[in-house]
Amino acid sequence: MIVAETEAAQAAPGPEGAEKEEPVMRLFDTHAHYDSGAFNSDRLETLAAMPEQGVELILNPGCDLESSRTAIALAEEFPFVYAAVGVHPSDCGAWEDSWLEQLRALAAHPKVRAIGEIGLDYYWKDNPPRELQQKVLARQLELAAELDLPVIVHDREAHADTYALLKKYRPKGVLHCFSGSAEDAAWLTAQGLYIGFGGAATFKGAKRAVKAAAIVPPDKLLVETDCPYMAPEPVRGTRCDSSLIRYVGEYIAQLRGISAEEVFRTTAENARRVYGL
């Protein structure tokens, strides 16, 4: 799930003819998986380099109990990293209701800002049964309501069932890596939810996402990387990291006919609001 903030650099008075400083992009990546094994060889070095590349904030969601703990550990290591805790639909096969108590305990950490990544995924045939996925999502939506935390929702090839549960529980939060229609986006944002777009929205075949990204209300728009996955065009196929969010923001700006700076500023404000930062 990145967002960005633009600060106009205030150049100190200098001699006549001195070059003015360029505006500094302050990027906020709202969905990044630095707990992934793809970062095992250089995880800490990659994260440490993010501020000098303009990345001001990162939200790292967990996908199971172990990765949720790793997300918290990274948030403790780096002041600009925040965490979310949750069980992804692809990882819920061994679900026990006792896991809720562990998630509740993890969510008490001050740098945990959401329950996620949670949701439904009907794309992979070897994923857990749909009924179990729905049960696990419902339990975690209930937990988020109890804790007054936003959710980060994964929805792949499961729009109708995902939307039915969102309509029932009315959570606050984000539909990450959005793949629904423009009509879906209009309904979801009317319920107060935010819509996140990542590298996949820049792909040539992403016609639905393009239409949705063009019409999402400015105050409900987010950008993200979902790194290390789905690096955006023109660097598709490489390992993604948070610095590549600039390509997503620039692409969204073109779709909406506005400047990249406006996209970065607006989406950063939105992300800070939904995650209470």
C-alpha atoms as a PDB file:
ATOM      1  CA  MET A   1       0.000   0.000   0.000  1.00  0.00           C
ATOM      2  CA  ILE A   2       2.872   5.017  -0.606  1.00  0.00           C
ATOM      3  CA  VAL A   3       1.986   8.390   0.056  1.00  0.00           C
ATOM      4  CA  ALA A   4       4.094  11.492  -0.077  1.00  0.00           C
ATOM      5  CA  GLU A   5       4.399  14.921   1.343  1.00  0.00           C
ATOM      6  CA  THR A   6       6.036  17.854  -0.408  1.00  0.00           C
ATOM      7  CA  GLU A   7       7.828  20.509   1.565  1.00  0.00           C
ATOM      8  CA  ALA A   8       8.920  23.660  -0.180  1.00  0.00           C
ATOM      9  CA  ALA A   9      12.546  24.084   0.792  1.00  0.00           C
ATOM     10  CA  GLN A  10      13.130  27.532   2.205  1.00  0.00           C
ATOM     11  CA  ALA A  11      16.487  28.660   0.876  1.00  0.00           C
ATOM     12  CA  ALA A  12      18.501  30.883   3.183  1.00  0.00           C
ATOM     13  CA  PRO A  13      19.379  34.311   1.794  1.00  0.00           C
ATOM     14  CA  GLY A  14      22.562  34.103  -0.225  1.00  0.00           C
ATOM     15  CA  PRO A  15      24.660  36.079  -2.659  1.00  0.00           C
ATOM     16  CA  GLU A  16      22.987  37.395  -5.791  1.00  0.00           C
ATOM     17  CA  GLY A  17      22.838  34.736  -8.507  1.00  0.00           C
ATOM     18  CA  ALA A  18      22.985  31.822  -6.070  1.00  0.00           C
ATOM     19  CA  GLU A  19      20.892  28.854  -7.139  1.00  0.00           C
ATOM     20  CA  LYS A  20      17.624  28.348  -5.296  1.00  0.00           C
ATOM     21  CA  GLU A  21      16.988  25.035  -3.606  1.00  0.00           C
ATOM     22  CA  GLU A  22      14.495  22.741  -5.323  1.00  0.00           C
ATOM     23  CA  PRO A  23      11.362  21.622  -3.431  1.00  0.00           C
ATOM     24  CA  VAL A  24      12.024  18.458  -1.458  1.00  0.00           C
ATOM     25  CA  MET A  25       9.704  15.500  -1.947  1.00  0.00           C
ATOM     26  CA  ARG A  26       8.776  13.841   1.336  1.00  0.00           C
ATOM     27  CA  LEU A  27       7.410  10.428   0.439  1.00  0.00           C
ATOM     28  CA  PHE A  28       5.159   8.342   2.680  1.00  0.00           C
ATOM     29  CA  ASP A  29       4.960   4.681   1.626  1.00  0.00           C
ATOM     30  CA  THR A  30       1.712   3.425   3.111  1.00  0.00           C
ATOM     31  CA  HIS A  31       2.235  -0.232   2.258  1.00  0.00           C
ATOM     32  CA  ALA A  32       5.659  -1.889   2.253  1.00  0.00           C
ATOM     33  CA  HIS A  33       6.767  -5.393   3.240  1.00  0.00           C
ATOM     34  CA  TYR A  34      10.323  -5.027   4.515  1.00  0.00           C
ATOM     35  CA  ASP A  35       9.718  -8.211   6.528  1.00  0.00           C
ATOM     36  CA  SER A  36       9.845 -10.080   3.185  1.00  0.00           C
ATOM     37  CA  GLY A  37      12.667 -12.523   2.504  1.00  0.00           C
ATOM     38  CA  ALA A  38      13.506 -10.490  -0.591  1.00  0.00           C
ATOM     39  CA  PHE A  39      15.209  -8.026   1.784  1.00  0.00           C
ATOM     40  CA  ASN A  40      17.120 -10.604   3.834  1.00  0.00           C
ATOM     41  CA  SER A  41      20.505  -9.640   2.395  1.00  0.00           C
ATOM     42  CA  ASP A  42      20.208  -5.876   2.888  1.00  0.00           C
ATOM     43  CA  ARG A  43      17.052  -5.083   4.871  1.00  0.00           C
ATOM     44  CA  LEU A  44      18.553  -2.672   7.400  1.00  0.00           C
ATOM     45  CA  GLU A  45      20.789  -0.966   4.860  1.00  0.00           C
ATOM     46  CA  THR A  46      17.882  -0.453   2.460  1.00  0.00           C
ATOM     47  CA  LEU A  47      15.689   1.049   5.142  1.00  0.00           C
ATOM     48  CA  ALA A  48      18.476   3.231   6.531  1.00  0.00           C
ATOM     49  CA  ALA A  49      18.944   4.776   3.081  1.00  0.00           C
ATOM     50  CA  MET A  50      15.296   5.763   2.645  1.00  0.00           C
ATOM     51  CA  PRO A  51      15.371   9.233   4.284  1.00  0.00           C
ATOM     52  CA  GLU A  52      18.149  10.446   2.002  1.00  0.00           C
ATOM     53  CA  GLN A  53      16.003   9.301  -0.941  1.00  0.00           C
ATOM     54  CA  GLY A  54      13.139  11.461   0.240  1.00  0.00           C
ATOM     55  CA  VAL A  55      11.088   8.758   1.975  1.00  0.00           C
ATOM     56  CA  GLU A  56       9.821  10.323   5.169  1.00  0.00           C
ATOM     57  CA  LEU A  57       7.427   7.644   6.476  1.00  0.00           C
ATOM     58  CA  ILE A  58       6.752   3.938   5.859  1.00  0.00           C
ATOM     59  CA  LEU A  59       3.878   1.740   7.043  1.00  0.00           C
ATOM     60  CA  ASN A  60       4.846  -1.964   7.143  1.00  0.00           C
ATOM     61  CA  PRO A  61       1.874  -4.349   7.597  1.00  0.00           C
ATOM     62  CA  GLY A  62       2.243  -7.920   8.775  1.00  0.00           C
ATOM     63  CA  CYS A  63       0.726 -10.925   6.993  1.00  0.00           C
ATOM     64  CA  ASP A  64       0.855 -13.403   9.889  1.00  0.00           C
ATOM     65  CA  LEU A  65       1.919 -13.356  13.515  1.00  0.00           C
ATOM     66  CA  GLU A  66       5.625 -13.714  12.763  1.00  0.00           C
ATOM     67  CA  SER A  67       5.752 -10.975  10.129  1.00  0.00           C
ATOM     68  CA  SER A  68       3.626  -8.744  12.355  1.00  0.00           C
ATOM     69  CA  ARG A  69       6.265  -9.077  15.071  1.00  0.00           C
ATOM     70  CA  THR A  70       8.976  -8.302  12.519  1.00  0.00           C
ATOM     71  CA  ALA A  71       7.055  -5.215  11.394  1.00  0.00           C
ATOM     72  CA  ILE A  72       7.025  -3.975  14.991  1.00  0.00           C
ATOM     73  CA  ALA A  73      10.737  -4.708  15.402  1.00  0.00           C
ATOM     74  CA  LEU A  74      11.520  -2.660  12.298  1.00  0.00           C
ATOM     75  CA  ALA A  75       9.339   0.149  13.610  1.00  0.00           C
ATOM     76  CA  GLU A  76      11.333   0.097  16.842  1.00  0.00           C
ATOM     77  CA  GLU A  77      14.590   0.186  14.860  1.00  0.00           C
ATOM     78  CA  PHE A  78      13.682   3.097  12.580  1.00  0.00           C
ATOM     79  CA  PRO A  79      11.787   6.178  13.782  1.00  0.00           C
ATOM     80  CA  PHE A  80      10.164   6.725  10.375  1.00  0.00           C
ATOM     81  CA  VAL A  81       8.709   3.184  10.151  1.00  0.00           C
ATOM     82  CA  TYR A  82       5.278   2.272  11.548  1.00  0.00           C
ATOM     83  CA  ALA A  83       3.589  -1.121  11.687  1.00  0.00           C
ATOM     84  CA  ALA A  84       0.275  -2.870  11.208  1.00  0.00           C
ATOM     85  CA  VAL A  85      -0.523  -6.352  12.510  1.00  0.00           C
ATOM     86  CA  GLY A  86      -2.808  -8.933  10.974  1.00  0.00           C
ATOM     87  CA  VAL A  87      -3.287 -12.247   9.195  1.00  0.00           C
ATOM     88  CA  HIS A  88      -3.454 -12.221   5.395  1.00  0.00           C
ATOM     89  CA  PRO A  89      -6.051 -14.462   3.712  1.00  0.00           C
ATOM     90  CA  SER A  90      -3.313 -16.553   2.092  1.00  0.00           C
ATOM     91  CA  ASP A  91      -1.809 -17.202   5.545  1.00  0.00           C
ATOM     92  CA  CYS A  92      -4.925 -18.016   7.550  1.00  0.00           C
ATOM     93  CA  GLY A  93      -5.078 -21.787   6.923  1.00  0.00           C
ATOM     94  CA  ALA A  94      -4.063 -22.731  10.469  1.00  0.00           C
ATOM     95  CA  TRP A  95      -6.205 -20.021  12.068  1.00  0.00           C
ATOM     96  CA  GLU A  96      -7.137 -20.395  15.719  1.00  0.00           C
ATOM     97  CA  ASP A  97      -9.304 -17.862  17.525  1.00  0.00           C
ATOM     98  CA  SER A  98      -6.533 -17.644  20.124  1.00  0.00           C
ATOM     99  CA  TRP A  99      -4.551 -15.737  17.498  1.00  0.00           C
ATOM    100  CA  LEU A 100      -6.849 -12.791  18.149  1.00  0.00           C
ATOM    101  CA  GLU A 101      -5.419 -12.439  21.646  1.00  0.00           C
ATOM    102  CA  GLN A 102      -1.912 -12.356  20.215  1.00  0.00           C
ATOM    103  CA  LEU A 103      -2.930  -9.747  17.643  1.00  0.00           C
ATOM    104  CA  ARG A 104      -4.617  -7.708  20.379  1.00  0.00           C
ATOM    105  CA  ALA A 105      -1.408  -7.751  22.422  1.00  0.00           C
ATOM    106  CA  LEU A 106       0.721  -6.785  19.415  1.00  0.00           C
ATOM    107  CA  ALA A 107      -1.671  -3.967  18.521  1.00  0.00           C
ATOM    108  CA  ALA A 108      -1.046  -2.362  21.910  1.00  0.00           C
ATOM    109  CA  HIS A 109       2.417  -1.305  20.741  1.00  0.00           C
ATOM    110  CA  PRO A 110       2.479   2.489  20.237  1.00  0.00           C
ATOM    111  CA  LYS A 111       3.867   2.225  16.705  1.00  0.00           C
ATOM    112  CA  VAL A 112       1.102  -0.119  15.502  1.00  0.00           C
ATOM    113  CA  ARG A 113      -1.337   2.032  13.554  1.00  0.00           C
ATOM    114  CA  ALA A 114      -3.681  -0.469  11.868  1.00  0.00           C
ATOM    115  CA  ILE A 115      -4.939  -4.041  11.664  1.00  0.00           C
ATOM    116  CA  GLY A 116      -3.608  -5.480   8.435  1.00  0.00           C
ATOM    117  CA  GLU A 117      -2.938  -6.875   6.008  1.00  0.00           C
ATOM    118  CA  ILE A 118      -6.306  -8.643   6.134  1.00  0.00           C
ATOM    119  CA  GLY A 119      -8.908  -9.508   3.521  1.00  0.00           C
ATOM    120  CA  LEU A 120      -9.985 -12.100   0.960  1.00  0.00           C
ATOM    121  CA  ASP A 121      -8.027 -13.676  -1.896  1.00  0.00           C
ATOM    122  CA  TYR A 122      -9.821 -16.034  -4.264  1.00  0.00           C
ATOM    123  CA  TYR A 123      -7.160 -15.833  -6.991  1.00  0.00           C
ATOM    124  CA  TRP A 124      -4.879 -18.651  -5.843  1.00  0.00           C
ATOM    125  CA  LYS A 125      -6.504 -22.085  -5.994  1.00  0.00           C
ATOM    126  CA  ASP A 126      -4.411 -23.425  -3.097  1.00  0.00           C
ATOM    127  CA  ASN A 127      -5.443 -20.617  -0.736  1.00  0.00           C
ATOM    128  CA  PRO A 128      -7.464 -21.537   2.377  1.00  0.00           C
ATOM    129  CA  PRO A 129     -11.196 -22.209   1.843  1.00  0.00           C
ATOM    130  CA  ARG A 130     -13.307 -19.142   1.179  1.00  0.00           C
ATOM    131  CA  GLU A 131     -15.468 -19.718   4.235  1.00  0.00           C
ATOM    132  CA  LEU A 132     -12.394 -19.712   6.487  1.00  0.00           C
ATOM    133  CA  GLN A 133     -11.032 -16.563   4.849  1.00  0.00           C
ATOM    134  CA  GLN A 134     -14.361 -14.833   5.459  1.00  0.00           C
ATOM    135  CA  LYS A 135     -14.399 -15.930   9.106  1.00  0.00           C
ATOM    136  CA  VAL A 136     -10.843 -14.690   9.694  1.00  0.00           C
ATOM    137  CA  LEU A 137     -11.566 -11.358   8.020  1.00  0.00           C
ATOM    138  CA  ALA A 138     -14.714 -10.895  10.111  1.00  0.00           C
ATOM    139  CA  ARG A 139     -12.833 -11.643  13.345  1.00  0.00           C
ATOM    140  CA  GLN A 140     -10.150  -9.099  12.503  1.00  0.00           C
ATOM    141  CA  LEU A 141     -12.678  -6.463  11.471  1.00  0.00           C
ATOM    142  CA  GLU A 142     -14.284  -6.955  14.880  1.00  0.00           C
ATOM    143  CA  LEU A 143     -10.897  -6.587  16.570  1.00  0.00           C
ATOM    144  CA  ALA A 144     -10.178  -3.363  14.678  1.00  0.00           C
ATOM    145  CA  ALA A 145     -13.543  -1.952  15.768  1.00  0.00           C
ATOM    146  CA  GLU A 146     -12.854  -2.931  19.381  1.00  0.00           C
ATOM    147  CA  LEU A 147      -9.437  -1.233  19.299  1.00  0.00           C
ATOM    148  CA  ASP A 148     -10.620   1.738  17.220  1.00  0.00           C
ATOM    149  CA  LEU A 149      -7.933   1.095  14.619  1.00  0.00           C
ATOM    150  CA  PRO A 150      -8.137   1.392  10.836  1.00  0.00           C
ATOM    151  CA  VAL A 151      -7.821  -1.713   8.667  1.00  0.00           C
ATOM    152  CA  ILE A 152      -5.676  -2.449   5.617  1.00  0.00           C
ATOM    153  CA  VAL A 153      -7.735  -4.654   3.300  1.00  0.00           C
ATOM    154  CA  HIS A 154      -6.464  -7.013   0.598  1.00  0.00           C
ATOM    155  CA  ASP A 155      -9.102  -7.893  -2.024  1.00  0.00           C
ATOM    156  CA  ARG A 156      -8.168 -10.092  -4.972  1.00  0.00           C
ATOM    157  CA  GLU A 157     -10.874 -11.631  -7.138  1.00  0.00           C
ATOM    158  CA  ALA A 158     -13.217 -11.391  -4.124  1.00  0.00           C
ATOM    159  CA  HIS A 159     -14.943  -8.043  -4.561  1.00  0.00           C
ATOM    160  CA  ALA A 160     -18.535  -9.039  -3.743  1.00  0.00           C
ATOM    161  CA  ASP A 161     -17.698 -10.909  -0.519  1.00  0.00           C
ATOM    162  CA  THR A 162     -15.177  -8.280   0.595  1.00  0.00           C
ATOM    163  CA  TYR A 163     -17.636  -5.450   0.053  1.00  0.00           C
ATOM    164  CA  ALA A 164     -20.400  -7.355   1.856  1.00  0.00           C
ATOM    165  CA  LEU A 165     -18.223  -7.662   4.965  1.00  0.00           C
ATOM    166  CA  LEU A 166     -17.123  -4.033   4.740  1.00  0.00           C
ATOM    167  CA  LYS A 167     -20.754  -2.982   4.484  1.00  0.00           C
ATOM    168  CA  LYS A 168     -21.608  -5.079   7.550  1.00  0.00           C
ATOM    169  CA  TYR A 169     -18.758  -3.909   9.801  1.00  0.00           C
ATOM    170  CA  ARG A 170     -18.227  -0.376   8.442  1.00  0.00           C
ATOM    171  CA  PRO A 171     -14.521  -0.129   9.348  1.00  0.00           C
ATOM    172  CA  LYS A 172     -12.299   2.844   8.774  1.00  0.00           C
ATOM    173  CA  GLY A 173      -9.203   2.179   6.738  1.00  0.00           C
ATOM    174  CA  VAL A 174      -7.749   1.423   3.323  1.00  0.00           C
ATOM    175  CA  LEU A 175      -8.447  -0.796   0.321  1.00  0.00           C
ATOM    176  CA  HIS A 176      -4.853  -1.486  -0.652  1.00  0.00           C
ATOM    177  CA  CYS A 177      -3.592  -2.215  -4.200  1.00  0.00           C
ATOM    178  CA  PHE A 178      -7.060  -1.439  -5.481  1.00  0.00           C
ATOM    179  CA  SER A 179      -8.259  -3.552  -8.421  1.00  0.00           C
ATOM    180  CA  GLY A 180     -11.973  -2.796  -8.440  1.00  0.00           C
ATOM    181  CA  SER A 181     -13.978  -0.601 -10.782  1.00  0.00           C
ATOM    182  CA  ALA A 182     -14.515   3.136 -10.683  1.00  0.00           C
ATOM    183  CA  GLU A 183     -18.064   2.434  -9.488  1.00  0.00           C
ATOM    184  CA  ASP A 184     -16.673   0.292  -6.660  1.00  0.00           C
ATOM    185  CA  ALA A 185     -14.252   3.060  -5.706  1.00  0.00           C
ATOM    186  CA  ALA A 186     -17.087   5.585  -5.592  1.00  0.00           C
ATOM    187  CA  TRP A 187     -19.131   3.368  -3.260  1.00  0.00           C
ATOM    188  CA  LEU A 188     -16.189   2.560  -0.982  1.00  0.00           C
ATOM    189  CA  THR A 189     -15.054   6.155  -0.598  1.00  0.00           C
ATOM    190  CA  ALA A 190     -18.635   7.171   0.132  1.00  0.00           C
ATOM    191  CA  GLN A 191     -18.401   4.796   3.111  1.00  0.00           C
ATOM    192  CA  GLY A 192     -15.339   6.752   4.287  1.00  0.00           C
ATOM    193  CA  LEU A 193     -12.700   4.285   3.100  1.00  0.00           C
ATOM    194  CA  TYR A 194      -9.432   5.267   1.446  1.00  0.00           C
ATOM    195  CA  ILE A 195      -8.189   3.752  -1.815  1.00  0.00           C
ATOM    196  CA  GLY A 196      -4.522   2.868  -2.290  1.00  0.00           C
ATOM    197  CA  PHE A 197      -2.829   2.544  -5.673  1.00  0.00           C
ATOM    198  CA  GLY A 198       0.604   1.015  -6.226  1.00  0.00           C
ATOM    199  CA  GLY A 199       2.867  -0.089  -9.026  1.00  0.00           C
ATOM    200  CA  ALA A 200       0.230  -2.370 -10.544  1.00  0.00           C
ATOM    201  CA  ALA A 201      -1.816   0.692 -11.497  1.00  0.00           C
ATOM    202  CA  THR A 202       0.980   1.754 -13.871  1.00  0.00           C
ATOM    203  CA  PHE A 203       0.939  -1.530 -15.815  1.00  0.00           C
ATOM    204  CA  LYS A 204      -0.427  -1.449 -19.365  1.00  0.00           C
ATOM    205  CA  GLY A 205      -3.262  -3.881 -18.602  1.00  0.00           C
ATOM    206  CA  ALA A 206      -4.530  -2.008 -15.529  1.00  0.00           C
ATOM    207  CA  LYS A 207      -7.538  -0.407 -17.244  1.00  0.00           C
ATOM    208  CA  ARG A 208      -9.926  -0.692 -14.287  1.00  0.00           C
ATOM    209  CA  ALA A 209      -7.399   0.740 -11.844  1.00  0.00           C
ATOM    210  CA  VAL A 210      -6.676   3.638 -14.203  1.00  0.00           C
ATOM    211  CA  LYS A 211     -10.362   4.596 -14.348  1.00  0.00           C
ATOM    212  CA  ALA A 212     -10.687   4.290 -10.571  1.00  0.00           C
ATOM    213  CA  ALA A 213      -7.539   6.322  -9.871  1.00  0.00           C
ATOM    214  CA  ALA A 214      -8.874   9.144 -12.009  1.00  0.00           C
ATOM    215  CA  ILE A 215     -12.092   9.582 -10.015  1.00  0.00           C
ATOM    216  CA  VAL A 216     -11.249   8.838  -6.365  1.00  0.00           C
ATOM    217  CA  PRO A 217     -11.948  11.980  -4.297  1.00  0.00           C
ATOM    218  CA  PRO A 218      -8.715  13.821  -3.459  1.00  0.00           C
ATOM    219  CA  ASP A 219      -9.252  13.346   0.284  1.00  0.00           C
ATOM    220  CA  LYS A 220      -9.528   9.546  -0.085  1.00  0.00           C
ATOM    221  CA  LEU A 221      -6.545   8.898  -2.376  1.00  0.00           C
ATOM    222  CA  LEU A 222      -3.386   7.059  -1.278  1.00  0.00           C
ATOM    223  CA  VAL A 223      -0.309   5.772  -3.101  1.00  0.00           C
ATOM    224  CA  GLU A 224       1.884   2.833  -2.095  1.00  0.00           C
ATOM    225  CA  THR A 225       4.564   0.424  -3.315  1.00  0.00           C
ATOM    226  CA  ASP A 226       3.664  -2.984  -1.810  1.00  0.00           C
ATOM    227  CA  CYS A 227       7.411  -3.550  -2.060  1.00  0.00           C
ATOM    228  CA  PRO A 228       9.259  -5.779  -2.764  1.00  0.00           C
ATOM    229  CA  TYR A 229       6.463  -6.689  -5.183  1.00  0.00           C
ATOM    230  CA  MET A 230       5.075  -5.002  -8.310  1.00  0.00           C
ATOM    231  CA  ALA A 231       7.702  -2.402  -9.097  1.00  0.00           C
ATOM    232  CA  PRO A 232       6.044   0.302 -11.219  1.00  0.00           C
ATOM    233  CA  GLU A 233       6.735   1.173 -14.816  1.00  0.00           C
ATOM    234  CA  PRO A 234       9.352   1.966 -16.052  1.00  0.00           C
ATOM    235  CA  VAL A 235      11.263  -0.309 -13.633  1.00  0.00           C
ATOM    236  CA  ARG A 236       8.803  -3.219 -13.648  1.00  0.00           C
ATOM    237  CA  GLY A 237      10.465  -6.565 -12.950  1.00  0.00           C
ATOM    238  CA  THR A 238      13.034  -5.209 -10.485  1.00  0.00           C
ATOM    239  CA  ARG A 239      12.882  -5.497  -6.713  1.00  0.00           C
ATOM    240  CA  CYS A 240      10.678  -2.683  -5.541  1.00  0.00           C
ATOM    241  CA  ASP A 241      11.459  -0.436  -2.577  1.00  0.00           C
ATOM    242  CA  SER A 242       9.868   2.679  -1.128  1.00  0.00           C
ATOM    243  CA  SER A 243      11.928   5.118  -3.189  1.00  0.00           C
ATOM    244  CA  LEU A 244      10.077   3.955  -6.311  1.00  0.00           C
ATOM    245  CA  ILE A 245       6.820   5.456  -5.054  1.00  0.00           C
ATOM    246  CA  ARG A 246       7.668   8.550  -7.047  1.00  0.00           C
ATOM    247  CA  TYR A 247       6.789   6.712 -10.262  1.00  0.00           C
ATOM    248  CA  VAL A 248       3.352   5.849  -8.888  1.00  0.00           C
ATOM    249  CA  GLY A 249       2.698   9.417  -7.794  1.00  0.00           C
ATOM    250  CA  GLU A 250       3.808  10.834 -11.117  1.00  0.00           C
ATOM    251  CA  TYR A 251       1.567   8.409 -13.001  1.00  0.00           C
ATOM    252  CA  ILE A 252      -1.464   9.245 -10.847  1.00  0.00           C
ATOM    253  CA  ALA A 253      -0.750  12.935 -11.415  1.00  0.00           C
ATOM    254  CA  GLN A 254      -0.856  12.441 -15.182  1.00  0.00           C
ATOM    255  CA  LEU A 255      -4.177  10.590 -14.925  1.00  0.00           C
ATOM    256  CA  ARG A 256      -5.736  13.355 -12.840  1.00  0.00           C
ATOM    257  CA  GLY A 257      -4.229  16.281 -14.744  1.00  0.00           C
ATOM    258  CA  ILE A 258      -2.448  17.745 -11.738  1.00  0.00           C
ATOM    259  CA  SER A 259       1.152  18.103 -10.594  1.00  0.00           C
ATOM    260  CA  ALA A 260       3.062  15.298  -8.929  1.00  0.00           C
ATOM    261  CA  GLU A 261       3.727  17.672  -6.043  1.00  0.00           C
ATOM    262  CA  GLU A 262      -0.005  17.999  -5.436  1.00  0.00           C
ATOM    263  CA  VAL A 263      -0.441  14.225  -5.460  1.00  0.00           C
ATOM    264  CA  PHE A 264       2.396  13.768  -2.986  1.00  0.00           C
ATOM    265  CA  ARG A 265       1.172  16.508  -0.661  1.00  0.00           C
ATOM    266  CA  THR A 266      -2.472  15.434  -0.684  1.00  0.00           C
ATOM    267  CA  THR A 267      -1.846  11.729  -0.298  1.00  0.00           C
ATOM    268  CA  ALA A 268       0.586  12.340   2.542  1.00  0.00           C
ATOM    269  CA  GLU A 269      -2.023  14.368   4.385  1.00  0.00           C
ATOM    270  CA  ASN A 270      -4.573  11.611   3.798  1.00  0.00           C
ATOM    271  CA  ALA A 271      -2.217   8.909   5.054  1.00  0.00           C
ATOM    272  CA  ARG A 272      -1.329  10.858   8.183  1.00  0.00           C
ATOM    273  CA  ARG A 273      -5.023  11.299   8.875  1.00  0.00           C
ATOM    274  CA  VAL A 274      -6.062   7.664   8.442  1.00  0.00           C
ATOM    275  CA  TYR A 275      -3.098   6.352  10.469  1.00  0.00           C
ATOM    276  CA  GLY A 276      -3.191   9.055  13.119  1.00  0.00           C
ATOM    277  CA  LEU A 277       0.307  10.411  12.470  1.00  0.00           C
END
